[in-house]
C-alpha atoms as a PDB file:
ATOM      1  CA  MET A   1     114.242  84.697 107.360  1.00  0.00           C
ATOM      2  CA  THR A   2     113.617  88.089 105.819  1.00  0.00           C
ATOM      3  CA  GLN A   3     113.464  91.299 107.809  1.00  0.00           C
ATOM      4  CA  PRO A   4     109.984  92.760 108.315  1.00  0.00           C
ATOM      5  CA  ASP A   5     109.146  95.473 105.807  1.00  0.00           C
ATOM      6  CA  ASP A   6     106.781  97.888 107.510  1.00  0.00           C
ATOM      7  CA  ARG A   7     107.133 100.667 104.938  1.00  0.00           C
ATOM      8  CA  ILE A   8     103.806 101.876 103.575  1.00  0.00           C
ATOM      9  CA  PRO A   9     103.958 102.517  99.834  1.00  0.00           C
ATOM     10  CA  MET A  10     101.614 104.888  98.044  1.00  0.00           C
ATOM     11  CA  HIS A  11     101.287 106.160  94.500  1.00  0.00           C
ATOM     12  CA  HIS A  12     103.585 109.082  93.836  1.00  0.00           C
ATOM     13  CA  PRO A  13     101.502 112.246  93.481  1.00  0.00           C
ATOM     14  CA  HIS A  14     103.089 113.001  90.089  1.00  0.00           C
ATOM     15  CA  THR A  15     101.674 109.859  88.473  1.00  0.00           C
ATOM     16  CA  ALA A  16      98.352 109.070  86.903  1.00  0.00           C
ATOM     17  CA  ALA A  17      97.146 105.490  86.622  1.00  0.00           C
ATOM     18  CA  ARG A  18      94.234 103.279  85.691  1.00  0.00           C
ATOM     19  CA  VAL A  19      93.752  99.531  85.886  1.00  0.00           C
ATOM     20  CA  PHE A  20      92.082  97.956  82.867  1.00  0.00           C
ATOM     21  CA  SER A  21      91.211  94.255  82.896  1.00  0.00           C
ATOM     22  CA  GLY A  22      93.685  93.629  85.707  1.00  0.00           C
ATOM     23  CA  GLU A  23      96.602  95.470  84.094  1.00  0.00           C
ATOM     24  CA  ALA A  24      97.806  98.834  85.367  1.00  0.00           C
ATOM     25  CA  VAL A  25      98.745 101.666  83.046  1.00  0.00           C
ATOM     26  CA  ILE A  26     100.892 104.259  84.820  1.00  0.00           C
ATOM     27  CA  ILE A  27     101.660 107.629  83.289  1.00  0.00           C
ATOM     28  CA  THR A  28     104.343 110.030  84.453  1.00  0.00           C
ATOM     29  CA  PRO A  29     103.420 113.267  82.672  1.00  0.00           C
ATOM     30  CA  ALA A  30     106.690 115.047  83.540  1.00  0.00           C
ATOM     31  CA  GLU A  31     108.653 112.335  81.727  1.00  0.00           C
ATOM     32  CA  ASN A  32     105.957 111.713  79.133  1.00  0.00           C
ATOM     33  CA  LYS A  33     106.225 107.960  79.848  1.00  0.00           C
ATOM     34  CA  VAL A  34     103.610 105.239  79.940  1.00  0.00           C
ATOM     35  CA  ARG A  35     104.301 101.999  81.776  1.00  0.00           C
ATOM     36  CA  LEU A  36     102.268  98.802  81.704  1.00  0.00           C
ATOM     37  CA  LEU A  37     102.354  96.293  84.554  1.00  0.00           C
ATOM     38  CA  ASN A  38     101.566  92.586  84.406  1.00  0.00           C
ATOM     39  CA  THR A  39      98.828  91.028  86.538  1.00  0.00           C
ATOM     40  CA  VAL A  40     100.890  90.591  89.710  1.00  0.00           C
ATOM     41  CA  GLY A  41     102.573  93.976  89.356  1.00  0.00           C
ATOM     42  CA  SER A  42      99.188  95.565  88.796  1.00  0.00           C
ATOM     43  CA  ARG A  43      97.855  93.961  91.960  1.00  0.00           C
ATOM     44  CA  VAL A  44     100.822  95.321  93.932  1.00  0.00           C
ATOM     45  CA  TRP A  45     100.089  98.741  92.404  1.00  0.00           C
ATOM     46  CA  GLU A  46      96.451  98.540  93.497  1.00  0.00           C
ATOM     47  CA  LEU A  47      97.422  97.491  97.019  1.00  0.00           C
ATOM     48  CA  ALA A  48     100.060 100.247  97.354  1.00  0.00           C
ATOM     49  CA  ASP A  49      97.396 102.754  98.335  1.00  0.00           C
ATOM     50  CA  GLY A  50      99.031 104.202 101.445  1.00  0.00           C
ATOM     51  CA  THR A  51      97.156 101.953 103.895  1.00  0.00           C
ATOM     52  CA  ARG A  52      99.158  98.695 103.806  1.00  0.00           C
ATOM     53  CA  THR A  53     102.741  97.805 104.604  1.00  0.00           C
ATOM     54  CA  VAL A  54     104.845  95.933 102.070  1.00  0.00           C
ATOM     55  CA  ASP A  55     104.491  92.804 104.248  1.00  0.00           C
ATOM     56  CA  GLU A  56     100.699  93.197 104.278  1.00  0.00           C
ATOM     57  CA  ILE A  57     100.744  93.474 100.473  1.00  0.00           C
ATOM     58  CA  ALA A  58     102.788  90.254 100.354  1.00  0.00           C
ATOM     59  CA  GLY A  59     100.209  88.573 102.580  1.00  0.00           C
ATOM     60  CA  VAL A  60      97.411  89.506 100.177  1.00  0.00           C
ATOM     61  CA  LEU A  61      99.434  88.139  97.255  1.00  0.00           C
ATOM     62  CA  THR A  62      99.814  84.757  98.958  1.00  0.00           C
ATOM     63  CA  GLY A  63      96.038  84.511  99.186  1.00  0.00           C
ATOM     64  CA  GLU A  64      95.452  85.488  95.560  1.00  0.00           C
ATOM     65  CA  PHE A  65      98.378  83.841  93.754  1.00  0.00           C
ATOM     66  CA  ASP A  66     100.150  80.503  94.132  1.00  0.00           C
ATOM     67  CA  VAL A  67     103.152  81.803  96.100  1.00  0.00           C
ATOM     68  CA  ASP A  68     104.527  81.196  99.590  1.00  0.00           C
ATOM     69  CA  LEU A  69     104.890  84.068 102.040  1.00  0.00           C
ATOM     70  CA  ALA A  70     108.700  84.270 102.010  1.00  0.00           C
ATOM     71  CA  HIS A  71     108.809  84.517  98.207  1.00  0.00           C
ATOM     72  CA  ALA A  72     105.936  87.026  98.172  1.00  0.00           C
ATOM     73  CA  GLN A  73     107.710  89.210 100.745  1.00  0.00           C
ATOM     74  CA  GLU A  74     110.980  89.174  98.815  1.00  0.00           C
ATOM     75  CA  SER A  75     109.293  89.862  95.480  1.00  0.00           C
ATOM     76  CA  ALA A  76     107.005  92.586  96.842  1.00  0.00           C
ATOM     77  CA  THR A  77     109.943  94.351  98.505  1.00  0.00           C
ATOM     78  CA  GLN A  78     112.021  94.244  95.325  1.00  0.00           C
ATOM     79  CA  PHE A  79     109.139  95.408  93.113  1.00  0.00           C
ATOM     80  CA  VAL A  80     108.119  98.247  95.449  1.00  0.00           C
ATOM     81  CA  ASP A  81     111.759  99.375  95.606  1.00  0.00           C
ATOM     82  CA  GLU A  82     111.959  99.303  91.794  1.00  0.00           C
ATOM     83  CA  LEU A  83     108.797 101.397  91.439  1.00  0.00           C
ATOM     84  CA  ALA A  84     110.062 103.845  94.075  1.00  0.00           C
ATOM     85  CA  THR A  85     113.399 104.175  92.255  1.00  0.00           C
ATOM     86  CA  LYS A  86     111.485 105.047  89.073  1.00  0.00           C
ATOM     87  CA  GLY A  87     109.506 107.692  90.970  1.00  0.00           C
ATOM     88  CA  LEU A  88     106.197 105.831  90.694  1.00  0.00           C
ATOM     89  CA  LEU A  89     105.781 105.063  94.397  1.00  0.00           C
ATOM     90  CA  ALA A  90     106.568 107.035  97.527  1.00  0.00           C
ATOM     91  CA  PHE A  91     106.252 106.053 101.178  1.00  0.00           C
ATOM     92  CA  VAL A  92     103.888 107.376 103.836  1.00  0.00           C
END
């Protein structure tokens, strides 16, 4: 059993992003980098709006994609951590 993840991710204020046809484009002007996310990553990005915990994001993913809750929680936690490490997400 995984530990609850009650962190609340939000977009880092130094990023700019848009979602086009279900795929997020994230720009970090200070680094002059553009990143593209796949469909699932883009959905996590959309849901990381400062109002949901990582576990709540995982719950939404189970309803929208063919994935069980334990796998969604593990994947969402890892992906959110990766985006935070890259300076794309922060936590409330």
